[in-house]
């Protein structure tokens, strides 16, 4: 049963790996489907050229992965406040947190792009421009702040889910540890940094894997707010149809050079796949400890 289920799950990946190692003419040879008669790695070189791999990978690391790391820490800080402290607007803040889980990015992408093009704070800078003619609003398009700024304020890509996972974990931490820290003179921030956070390695593994994978795969916001030549890998992969079409390798709705598409997909997923293989044991244990179901 496990073999059957494993085959169903791994079939697309195995077929993609097999197809990426074939030459273009070998892809049409029905006699050899899974094991290519002649193995060639030239397709990966071509795929790297179409993806502009090294500059795009650098952009992905500096933009999306840095944003993911910021979000991992900021969400833990916010979740600690929800889990351990009572404040007047806690119910309202919790309602907004739940709302952030339900509202997809495309629903507010237009207003988001307007805010990024003319960044303002409560309309103060726009009001100043109206009366003085001095426009101090910032244009964040084509800058890394498009990703970094939401992560800094805890409203980045699926940040609500990460905060909720952290909250569930922090609620289960023994309160005696924090009480002992308070007796020793530690304040809330020091208690969080020296007691709660070091005790959260289990949930940090879970959140890190989820956040990094979600940021790595995200292409909607990047394609919306980045118009320069250097784009993240996710955007380059989603737009690979354009250069293939220009080179006559994409006709109608089907690419002739499927091998290039397969190799591009392999190049895109290989880094998060290696990350998951390294952390899979801790990730599975952390899922069990945190209590995530469904």
C-alpha atoms as a PDB file:
ATOM      1  CA  UNK A   1       0.000   0.000   0.000  1.00  0.00           C
ATOM      2  CA  UNK A   2       2.806   2.434   0.865  1.00  0.00           C
ATOM      3  CA  UNK A   3       4.533   1.596  -2.428  1.00  0.00           C
ATOM      4  CA  UNK A   4       1.363   2.344  -4.401  1.00  0.00           C
ATOM      5  CA  UNK A   5       0.722   5.622  -2.574  1.00  0.00           C
ATOM      6  CA  UNK A   6       4.405   6.593  -2.863  1.00  0.00           C
ATOM      7  CA  UNK A   7       4.331   5.943  -6.607  1.00  0.00           C
ATOM      8  CA  UNK A   8       1.231   8.103  -7.056  1.00  0.00           C
ATOM      9  CA  UNK A   9       2.837  10.958  -5.112  1.00  0.00           C
ATOM     10  CA  UNK A  10       6.271  10.671  -6.748  1.00  0.00           C
ATOM     11  CA  UNK A  11       5.071   9.965 -10.300  1.00  0.00           C
ATOM     12  CA  UNK A  12       5.186  13.608 -11.506  1.00  0.00           C
ATOM     13  CA  UNK A  13       8.657  14.125 -10.015  1.00  0.00           C
ATOM     14  CA  UNK A  14      10.054  10.871 -11.451  1.00  0.00           C
ATOM     15  CA  UNK A  15       8.568  11.602 -14.885  1.00  0.00           C
ATOM     16  CA  UNK A  16       9.996  15.119 -14.780  1.00  0.00           C
ATOM     17  CA  UNK A  17      13.477  13.860 -13.857  1.00  0.00           C
ATOM     18  CA  UNK A  18      13.360  11.248 -16.612  1.00  0.00           C
ATOM     19  CA  UNK A  19      12.181  13.783 -19.191  1.00  0.00           C
ATOM     20  CA  UNK A  20      14.813  16.352 -18.207  1.00  0.00           C
ATOM     21  CA  UNK A  21      17.619  13.879 -18.996  1.00  0.00           C
ATOM     22  CA  UNK A  22      16.392  13.165 -22.530  1.00  0.00           C
ATOM     23  CA  UNK A  23      17.324  14.909 -25.717  1.00  0.00           C
ATOM     24  CA  UNK A  24      14.487  16.623 -27.538  1.00  0.00           C
ATOM     25  CA  UNK A  25      14.152  13.868 -30.145  1.00  0.00           C
ATOM     26  CA  UNK A  26      14.316  11.160 -27.465  1.00  0.00           C
ATOM     27  CA  UNK A  27      11.250  12.637 -25.799  1.00  0.00           C
ATOM     28  CA  UNK A  28       9.144  11.513 -28.763  1.00  0.00           C
ATOM     29  CA  UNK A  29      10.547   7.965 -28.726  1.00  0.00           C
ATOM     30  CA  UNK A  30       7.783   5.860 -27.155  1.00  0.00           C
ATOM     31  CA  UNK A  31      10.096   2.860 -26.788  1.00  0.00           C
ATOM     32  CA  UNK A  32      11.962   4.501 -23.918  1.00  0.00           C
ATOM     33  CA  UNK A  33       9.699   6.280 -21.460  1.00  0.00           C
ATOM     34  CA  UNK A  34      11.271   6.036 -18.015  1.00  0.00           C
ATOM     35  CA  UNK A  35      14.928   5.211 -18.653  1.00  0.00           C
ATOM     36  CA  UNK A  36      16.391   7.326 -21.492  1.00  0.00           C
ATOM     37  CA  UNK A  37      18.440   5.521 -24.108  1.00  0.00           C
ATOM     38  CA  UNK A  38      20.898   8.401 -24.182  1.00  0.00           C
ATOM     39  CA  UNK A  39      21.293  10.624 -21.132  1.00  0.00           C
ATOM     40  CA  UNK A  40      22.168  14.266 -21.760  1.00  0.00           C
ATOM     41  CA  UNK A  41      22.698  17.118 -19.306  1.00  0.00           C
ATOM     42  CA  UNK A  42      22.798  19.790 -22.012  1.00  0.00           C
ATOM     43  CA  UNK A  43      19.132  20.508 -21.358  1.00  0.00           C
ATOM     44  CA  UNK A  44      19.979  21.831 -17.890  1.00  0.00           C
ATOM     45  CA  UNK A  45      22.476  24.275 -19.357  1.00  0.00           C
ATOM     46  CA  UNK A  46      19.789  25.533 -21.736  1.00  0.00           C
ATOM     47  CA  UNK A  47      17.282  25.747 -18.887  1.00  0.00           C
ATOM     48  CA  UNK A  48      19.744  27.753 -16.777  1.00  0.00           C
ATOM     49  CA  UNK A  49      20.084  30.209 -19.662  1.00  0.00           C
ATOM     50  CA  UNK A  50      16.320  30.614 -19.995  1.00  0.00           C
ATOM     51  CA  UNK A  51      15.922  31.084 -16.241  1.00  0.00           C
ATOM     52  CA  UNK A  52      18.922  33.417 -15.998  1.00  0.00           C
ATOM     53  CA  UNK A  53      19.656  31.120 -13.089  1.00  0.00           C
ATOM     54  CA  UNK A  54      22.512  32.707 -11.112  1.00  0.00           C
ATOM     55  CA  UNK A  55      21.158  36.315 -11.051  1.00  0.00           C
ATOM     56  CA  UNK A  56      17.620  35.031 -10.405  1.00  0.00           C
ATOM     57  CA  UNK A  57      18.819  32.736  -7.620  1.00  0.00           C
ATOM     58  CA  UNK A  58      20.697  35.630  -6.023  1.00  0.00           C
ATOM     59  CA  UNK A  59      17.552  37.757  -6.254  1.00  0.00           C
ATOM     60  CA  UNK A  60      15.484  34.971  -4.688  1.00  0.00           C
ATOM     61  CA  UNK A  61      17.876  34.571  -1.765  1.00  0.00           C
ATOM     62  CA  UNK A  62      18.202  38.298  -1.069  1.00  0.00           C
ATOM     63  CA  UNK A  63      14.492  38.976  -1.527  1.00  0.00           C
ATOM     64  CA  UNK A  64      12.309  36.028  -0.616  1.00  0.00           C
ATOM     65  CA  UNK A  65      14.534  33.984   1.695  1.00  0.00           C
ATOM     66  CA  UNK A  66      15.614  37.036   3.722  1.00  0.00           C
ATOM     67  CA  UNK A  67      11.938  37.981   3.948  1.00  0.00           C
ATOM     68  CA  UNK A  68      11.131  34.467   5.180  1.00  0.00           C
ATOM     69  CA  UNK A  69      13.812  34.651   7.887  1.00  0.00           C
ATOM     70  CA  UNK A  70      12.516  38.034   9.065  1.00  0.00           C
ATOM     71  CA  UNK A  71       8.984  36.670   9.152  1.00  0.00           C
ATOM     72  CA  UNK A  72      10.024  33.611  11.186  1.00  0.00           C
ATOM     73  CA  UNK A  73      11.341  35.826  13.995  1.00  0.00           C
ATOM     74  CA  UNK A  74       8.705  38.581  13.862  1.00  0.00           C
ATOM     75  CA  UNK A  75       5.806  36.106  13.871  1.00  0.00           C
ATOM     76  CA  UNK A  76       7.261  34.383  16.947  1.00  0.00           C
ATOM     77  CA  UNK A  77       7.427  37.754  18.734  1.00  0.00           C
ATOM     78  CA  UNK A  78       3.817  38.602  17.836  1.00  0.00           C
ATOM     79  CA  UNK A  79       2.558  35.134  18.757  1.00  0.00           C
ATOM     80  CA  UNK A  80       4.245  35.309  22.157  1.00  0.00           C
ATOM     81  CA  UNK A  81       2.276  38.455  22.905  1.00  0.00           C
ATOM     82  CA  UNK A  82      -0.990  36.778  21.887  1.00  0.00           C
ATOM     83  CA  UNK A  83      -0.267  33.642  23.907  1.00  0.00           C
ATOM     84  CA  UNK A  84       1.067  35.144  27.141  1.00  0.00           C
ATOM     85  CA  UNK A  85      -0.497  38.591  27.608  1.00  0.00           C
ATOM     86  CA  UNK A  86      -3.996  40.010  27.914  1.00  0.00           C
ATOM     87  CA  UNK A  87      -4.672  43.457  26.464  1.00  0.00           C
ATOM     88  CA  UNK A  88      -7.775  45.481  25.708  1.00  0.00           C
ATOM     89  CA  UNK A  89      -8.003  44.891  21.965  1.00  0.00           C
ATOM     90  CA  UNK A  90      -6.888  41.260  22.063  1.00  0.00           C
ATOM     91  CA  UNK A  91     -10.223  39.958  20.731  1.00  0.00           C
ATOM     92  CA  UNK A  92     -10.203  42.474  17.885  1.00  0.00           C
ATOM     93  CA  UNK A  93      -6.583  41.655  17.055  1.00  0.00           C
ATOM     94  CA  UNK A  94      -7.412  37.940  17.086  1.00  0.00           C
ATOM     95  CA  UNK A  95     -10.318  38.577  14.703  1.00  0.00           C
ATOM     96  CA  UNK A  96      -7.984  40.407  12.311  1.00  0.00           C
ATOM     97  CA  UNK A  97      -5.523  37.523  12.605  1.00  0.00           C
ATOM     98  CA  UNK A  98      -8.215  35.030  11.609  1.00  0.00           C
ATOM     99  CA  UNK A  99      -9.305  37.361   8.797  1.00  0.00           C
ATOM    100  CA  UNK A 100      -5.756  37.421   7.418  1.00  0.00           C
ATOM    101  CA  UNK A 101      -5.952  33.632   7.088  1.00  0.00           C
ATOM    102  CA  UNK A 102      -9.075  33.813   4.931  1.00  0.00           C
ATOM    103  CA  UNK A 103      -8.410  36.743   2.597  1.00  0.00           C
ATOM    104  CA  UNK A 104      -6.215  35.776  -0.399  1.00  0.00           C
ATOM    105  CA  UNK A 105      -3.588  38.121  -1.814  1.00  0.00           C
ATOM    106  CA  UNK A 106      -5.311  38.738  -5.202  1.00  0.00           C
ATOM    107  CA  UNK A 107      -8.293  40.326  -3.408  1.00  0.00           C
ATOM    108  CA  UNK A 108      -6.209  43.258  -2.153  1.00  0.00           C
ATOM    109  CA  UNK A 109      -3.366  43.230  -4.687  1.00  0.00           C
ATOM    110  CA  UNK A 110      -4.555  46.437  -6.394  1.00  0.00           C
ATOM    111  CA  UNK A 111      -4.551  48.505  -3.193  1.00  0.00           C
ATOM    112  CA  UNK A 112      -1.288  46.854  -2.193  1.00  0.00           C
ATOM    113  CA  UNK A 113       0.410  47.875  -5.428  1.00  0.00           C
ATOM    114  CA  UNK A 114      -0.895  51.450  -5.039  1.00  0.00           C
ATOM    115  CA  UNK A 115       0.507  51.608  -1.504  1.00  0.00           C
ATOM    116  CA  UNK A 116       3.872  50.290  -2.639  1.00  0.00           C
ATOM    117  CA  UNK A 117       4.035  52.831  -5.444  1.00  0.00           C
ATOM    118  CA  UNK A 118       3.154  55.745  -3.134  1.00  0.00           C
ATOM    119  CA  UNK A 119       3.991  54.617   0.407  1.00  0.00           C
ATOM    120  CA  UNK A 120       2.179  56.788   2.927  1.00  0.00           C
ATOM    121  CA  UNK A 121       1.509  56.676   6.661  1.00  0.00           C
ATOM    122  CA  UNK A 122      -2.164  57.244   7.508  1.00  0.00           C
ATOM    123  CA  UNK A 123      -2.395  59.671   4.577  1.00  0.00           C
ATOM    124  CA  UNK A 124      -0.148  62.196   6.323  1.00  0.00           C
ATOM    125  CA  UNK A 125       2.385  62.499   3.501  1.00  0.00           C
ATOM    126  CA  UNK A 126      -0.374  62.784   0.887  1.00  0.00           C
ATOM    127  CA  UNK A 127      -1.996  65.583   2.896  1.00  0.00           C
ATOM    128  CA  UNK A 128       1.370  67.329   3.160  1.00  0.00           C
ATOM    129  CA  UNK A 129       1.783  67.078  -0.628  1.00  0.00           C
ATOM    130  CA  UNK A 130      -1.664  68.593  -1.173  1.00  0.00           C
ATOM    131  CA  UNK A 131      -0.923  71.684   0.937  1.00  0.00           C
ATOM    132  CA  UNK A 132       2.790  72.233   0.289  1.00  0.00           C
ATOM    133  CA  UNK A 133       3.411  70.549  -3.076  1.00  0.00           C
ATOM    134  CA  UNK A 134       6.241  68.514  -1.516  1.00  0.00           C
ATOM    135  CA  UNK A 135       5.713  64.822  -2.245  1.00  0.00           C
ATOM    136  CA  UNK A 136       7.595  62.703   0.303  1.00  0.00           C
ATOM    137  CA  UNK A 137       5.815  59.439  -0.536  1.00  0.00           C
ATOM    138  CA  UNK A 138       8.194  56.614  -1.388  1.00  0.00           C
ATOM    139  CA  UNK A 139       8.063  54.377  -4.447  1.00  0.00           C
ATOM    140  CA  UNK A 140       8.990  50.867  -3.326  1.00  0.00           C
ATOM    141  CA  UNK A 141       8.511  49.201  -6.711  1.00  0.00           C
ATOM    142  CA  UNK A 142      11.568  47.204  -7.858  1.00  0.00           C
ATOM    143  CA  UNK A 143      13.002  47.231  -4.331  1.00  0.00           C
ATOM    144  CA  UNK A 144      13.371  44.440  -1.805  1.00  0.00           C
ATOM    145  CA  UNK A 145      11.235  46.407   0.651  1.00  0.00           C
ATOM    146  CA  UNK A 146       8.156  45.105  -1.158  1.00  0.00           C
ATOM    147  CA  UNK A 147       8.826  41.797   0.590  1.00  0.00           C
ATOM    148  CA  UNK A 148      10.784  42.946   3.623  1.00  0.00           C
ATOM    149  CA  UNK A 149       8.353  45.582   4.912  1.00  0.00           C
ATOM    150  CA  UNK A 150       5.315  43.264   5.290  1.00  0.00           C
ATOM    151  CA  UNK A 151       7.525  40.663   6.982  1.00  0.00           C
ATOM    152  CA  UNK A 152       8.862  43.268   9.441  1.00  0.00           C
ATOM    153  CA  UNK A 153       5.286  44.135  10.473  1.00  0.00           C
ATOM    154  CA  UNK A 154       4.158  40.495  10.604  1.00  0.00           C
ATOM    155  CA  UNK A 155       1.755  40.655   7.651  1.00  0.00           C
ATOM    156  CA  UNK A 156       3.889  38.901   5.053  1.00  0.00           C
ATOM    157  CA  UNK A 157       3.133  35.804   3.017  1.00  0.00           C
ATOM    158  CA  UNK A 158       0.790  33.590   5.090  1.00  0.00           C
ATOM    159  CA  UNK A 159       2.091  35.185   8.266  1.00  0.00           C
ATOM    160  CA  UNK A 160      -1.240  34.546   9.974  1.00  0.00           C
ATOM    161  CA  UNK A 161      -0.733  30.785   9.753  1.00  0.00           C
ATOM    162  CA  UNK A 162       2.770  31.065  11.186  1.00  0.00           C
ATOM    163  CA  UNK A 163       1.531  33.230  14.064  1.00  0.00           C
ATOM    164  CA  UNK A 164      -1.247  30.747  14.804  1.00  0.00           C
ATOM    165  CA  UNK A 165       1.250  27.837  14.904  1.00  0.00           C
ATOM    166  CA  UNK A 166       3.488  29.788  17.279  1.00  0.00           C
ATOM    167  CA  UNK A 167       0.524  30.675  19.514  1.00  0.00           C
ATOM    168  CA  UNK A 168      -0.462  27.037  19.880  1.00  0.00           C
ATOM    169  CA  UNK A 169       3.077  26.154  20.908  1.00  0.00           C
ATOM    170  CA  UNK A 170       3.635  29.033  23.330  1.00  0.00           C
ATOM    171  CA  UNK A 171       0.393  28.227  25.128  1.00  0.00           C
ATOM    172  CA  UNK A 172       1.849  24.827  25.952  1.00  0.00           C
ATOM    173  CA  UNK A 173       5.098  26.127  27.442  1.00  0.00           C
ATOM    174  CA  UNK A 174       5.318  25.802  31.245  1.00  0.00           C
ATOM    175  CA  UNK A 175       4.573  29.147  32.849  1.00  0.00           C
ATOM    176  CA  UNK A 176       6.968  28.352  35.711  1.00  0.00           C
ATOM    177  CA  UNK A 177       9.938  29.062  33.418  1.00  0.00           C
ATOM    178  CA  UNK A 178       8.736  32.603  32.802  1.00  0.00           C
ATOM    179  CA  UNK A 179       7.826  33.137  36.433  1.00  0.00           C
ATOM    180  CA  UNK A 180      11.363  32.170  37.446  1.00  0.00           C
ATOM    181  CA  UNK A 181      12.750  34.621  34.894  1.00  0.00           C
ATOM    182  CA  UNK A 182      10.527  37.416  36.249  1.00  0.00           C
ATOM    183  CA  UNK A 183      11.741  36.669  39.785  1.00  0.00           C
ATOM    184  CA  UNK A 184      15.332  37.021  38.576  1.00  0.00           C
ATOM    185  CA  UNK A 185      14.512  40.470  37.220  1.00  0.00           C
ATOM    186  CA  UNK A 186      13.980  39.670  33.536  1.00  0.00           C
ATOM    187  CA  UNK A 187      11.407  41.719  31.653  1.00  0.00           C
ATOM    188  CA  UNK A 188       8.995  40.391  29.004  1.00  0.00           C
ATOM    189  CA  UNK A 189      11.370  40.952  26.072  1.00  0.00           C
ATOM    190  CA  UNK A 190      14.348  39.390  27.830  1.00  0.00           C
ATOM    191  CA  UNK A 191      12.169  36.465  28.913  1.00  0.00           C
ATOM    192  CA  UNK A 192      11.067  35.952  25.325  1.00  0.00           C
ATOM    193  CA  UNK A 193      14.613  36.117  23.928  1.00  0.00           C
ATOM    194  CA  UNK A 194      16.333  34.030  26.607  1.00  0.00           C
ATOM    195  CA  UNK A 195      13.603  31.636  27.773  1.00  0.00           C
ATOM    196  CA  UNK A 196      10.737  31.245  25.289  1.00  0.00           C
ATOM    197  CA  UNK A 197      12.663  31.468  22.023  1.00  0.00           C
ATOM    198  CA  UNK A 198      15.456  28.992  22.929  1.00  0.00           C
ATOM    199  CA  UNK A 199      12.751  26.562  24.086  1.00  0.00           C
ATOM    200  CA  UNK A 200      10.979  26.805  20.726  1.00  0.00           C
ATOM    201  CA  UNK A 201      13.389  24.900  18.480  1.00  0.00           C
ATOM    202  CA  UNK A 202      10.658  22.378  17.705  1.00  0.00           C
ATOM    203  CA  UNK A 203       8.153  24.894  16.369  1.00  0.00           C
ATOM    204  CA  UNK A 204      10.865  27.006  14.703  1.00  0.00           C
ATOM    205  CA  UNK A 205      11.763  24.037  12.463  1.00  0.00           C
ATOM    206  CA  UNK A 206       8.128  23.688  11.397  1.00  0.00           C
ATOM    207  CA  UNK A 207       7.654  27.388  10.748  1.00  0.00           C
ATOM    208  CA  UNK A 208      11.013  27.716   8.963  1.00  0.00           C
ATOM    209  CA  UNK A 209      10.285  24.944   6.471  1.00  0.00           C
ATOM    210  CA  UNK A 210       6.786  26.274   5.750  1.00  0.00           C
ATOM    211  CA  UNK A 211       7.853  29.901   5.467  1.00  0.00           C
ATOM    212  CA  UNK A 212      10.861  29.251   3.244  1.00  0.00           C
ATOM    213  CA  UNK A 213       8.888  26.991   0.883  1.00  0.00           C
ATOM    214  CA  UNK A 214       5.989  29.458   0.670  1.00  0.00           C
ATOM    215  CA  UNK A 215       8.309  32.378  -0.050  1.00  0.00           C
ATOM    216  CA  UNK A 216      10.325  30.333  -2.540  1.00  0.00           C
ATOM    217  CA  UNK A 217       7.213  29.394  -4.533  1.00  0.00           C
ATOM    218  CA  UNK A 218       5.554  32.830  -4.386  1.00  0.00           C
ATOM    219  CA  UNK A 219       5.414  34.526  -7.784  1.00  0.00           C
ATOM    220  CA  UNK A 220       2.246  36.640  -7.734  1.00  0.00           C
ATOM    221  CA  UNK A 221       3.554  39.509  -5.605  1.00  0.00           C
ATOM    222  CA  UNK A 222       6.963  39.409  -7.286  1.00  0.00           C
ATOM    223  CA  UNK A 223       5.463  39.633 -10.786  1.00  0.00           C
ATOM    224  CA  UNK A 224       3.192  42.444  -9.592  1.00  0.00           C
ATOM    225  CA  UNK A 225       5.862  44.660  -8.030  1.00  0.00           C
ATOM    226  CA  UNK A 226       9.049  43.878  -9.950  1.00  0.00           C
ATOM    227  CA  UNK A 227       9.429  45.170 -13.491  1.00  0.00           C
ATOM    228  CA  UNK A 228      13.211  45.261 -13.864  1.00  0.00           C
ATOM    229  CA  UNK A 229      15.320  42.647 -15.635  1.00  0.00           C
ATOM    230  CA  UNK A 230      16.356  40.665 -12.559  1.00  0.00           C
ATOM    231  CA  UNK A 231      13.413  38.686 -11.225  1.00  0.00           C
ATOM    232  CA  UNK A 232      13.151  35.827  -8.710  1.00  0.00           C
ATOM    233  CA  UNK A 233      13.295  32.245  -9.941  1.00  0.00           C
ATOM    234  CA  UNK A 234       9.577  31.721  -9.343  1.00  0.00           C
ATOM    235  CA  UNK A 235       8.728  34.555 -11.747  1.00  0.00           C
ATOM    236  CA  UNK A 236      11.247  33.405 -14.356  1.00  0.00           C
ATOM    237  CA  UNK A 237       9.761  29.905 -14.281  1.00  0.00           C
ATOM    238  CA  UNK A 238       6.190  31.173 -14.560  1.00  0.00           C
ATOM    239  CA  UNK A 239       7.202  33.300 -17.573  1.00  0.00           C
ATOM    240  CA  UNK A 240       9.350  30.683 -19.325  1.00  0.00           C
ATOM    241  CA  UNK A 241       6.668  30.333 -21.988  1.00  0.00           C
ATOM    242  CA  UNK A 242       7.622  33.760 -23.383  1.00  0.00           C
ATOM    243  CA  UNK A 243      11.270  33.049 -24.362  1.00  0.00           C
ATOM    244  CA  UNK A 244      10.335  29.544 -25.557  1.00  0.00           C
ATOM    245  CA  UNK A 245       7.627  31.045 -27.739  1.00  0.00           C
ATOM    246  CA  UNK A 246      10.067  33.626 -29.116  1.00  0.00           C
ATOM    247  CA  UNK A 247      12.500  30.854 -30.055  1.00  0.00           C
ATOM    248  CA  UNK A 248       9.769  28.817 -31.744  1.00  0.00           C
ATOM    249  CA  UNK A 249       9.792  26.104 -29.073  1.00  0.00           C
ATOM    250  CA  UNK A 250       6.246  26.733 -27.836  1.00  0.00           C
ATOM    251  CA  UNK A 251       3.338  26.254 -30.226  1.00  0.00           C
ATOM    252  CA  UNK A 252      -0.266  26.696 -29.175  1.00  0.00           C
ATOM    253  CA  UNK A 253      -0.698  25.482 -25.624  1.00  0.00           C
ATOM    254  CA  UNK A 254       2.043  22.843 -25.652  1.00  0.00           C
ATOM    255  CA  UNK A 255       5.833  23.302 -25.588  1.00  0.00           C
ATOM    256  CA  UNK A 256       7.811  21.362 -28.170  1.00  0.00           C
ATOM    257  CA  UNK A 257      10.853  21.433 -25.896  1.00  0.00           C
ATOM    258  CA  UNK A 258       9.317  19.696 -22.902  1.00  0.00           C
ATOM    259  CA  UNK A 259      12.804  18.712 -21.814  1.00  0.00           C
ATOM    260  CA  UNK A 260      13.675  22.379 -21.190  1.00  0.00           C
ATOM    261  CA  UNK A 261      10.512  22.860 -19.122  1.00  0.00           C
ATOM    262  CA  UNK A 262      11.254  19.716 -17.115  1.00  0.00           C
ATOM    263  CA  UNK A 263      14.855  20.766 -16.494  1.00  0.00           C
ATOM    264  CA  UNK A 264      13.710  24.250 -15.452  1.00  0.00           C
ATOM    265  CA  UNK A 265      11.288  22.774 -12.914  1.00  0.00           C
ATOM    266  CA  UNK A 266      14.015  20.498 -11.516  1.00  0.00           C
ATOM    267  CA  UNK A 267      16.398  23.461 -11.195  1.00  0.00           C
ATOM    268  CA  UNK A 268      13.691  25.412  -9.371  1.00  0.00           C
ATOM    269  CA  UNK A 269      12.726  22.756  -6.805  1.00  0.00           C
ATOM    270  CA  UNK A 270      16.140  21.212  -6.128  1.00  0.00           C
ATOM    271  CA  UNK A 271      17.180  23.660  -3.355  1.00  0.00           C
ATOM    272  CA  UNK A 272      13.961  23.463  -1.247  1.00  0.00           C
ATOM    273  CA  UNK A 273      13.926  19.700  -1.873  1.00  0.00           C
ATOM    274  CA  UNK A 274      17.437  19.351  -0.449  1.00  0.00           C
ATOM    275  CA  UNK A 275      16.431  21.548   2.490  1.00  0.00           C
ATOM    276  CA  UNK A 276      13.450  19.335   3.232  1.00  0.00           C
ATOM    277  CA  UNK A 277      15.502  16.126   2.936  1.00  0.00           C
ATOM    278  CA  UNK A 278      17.941  17.520   5.500  1.00  0.00           C
ATOM    279  CA  UNK A 279      15.231  18.643   7.924  1.00  0.00           C
ATOM    280  CA  UNK A 280      12.572  16.013   7.244  1.00  0.00           C
ATOM    281  CA  UNK A 281      13.098  14.034  10.454  1.00  0.00           C
ATOM    282  CA  UNK A 282      12.997  17.123  12.665  1.00  0.00           C
ATOM    283  CA  UNK A 283      10.100  18.506  10.613  1.00  0.00           C
ATOM    284  CA  UNK A 284       7.952  15.402  11.115  1.00  0.00           C
ATOM    285  CA  UNK A 285       8.739  15.337  14.847  1.00  0.00           C
ATOM    286  CA  UNK A 286       7.978  19.046  15.161  1.00  0.00           C
ATOM    287  CA  UNK A 287       4.612  18.620  13.419  1.00  0.00           C
ATOM    288  CA  UNK A 288       3.754  15.954  16.002  1.00  0.00           C
ATOM    289  CA  UNK A 289       4.942  18.089  18.947  1.00  0.00           C
ATOM    290  CA  UNK A 290       3.234  21.299  17.805  1.00  0.00           C
ATOM    291  CA  UNK A 291      -0.061  19.500  17.322  1.00  0.00           C
ATOM    292  CA  UNK A 292      -0.860  20.591  13.751  1.00  0.00           C
ATOM    293  CA  UNK A 293      -3.520  18.453  12.124  1.00  0.00           C
ATOM    294  CA  UNK A 294      -5.254  18.511   8.770  1.00  0.00           C
END
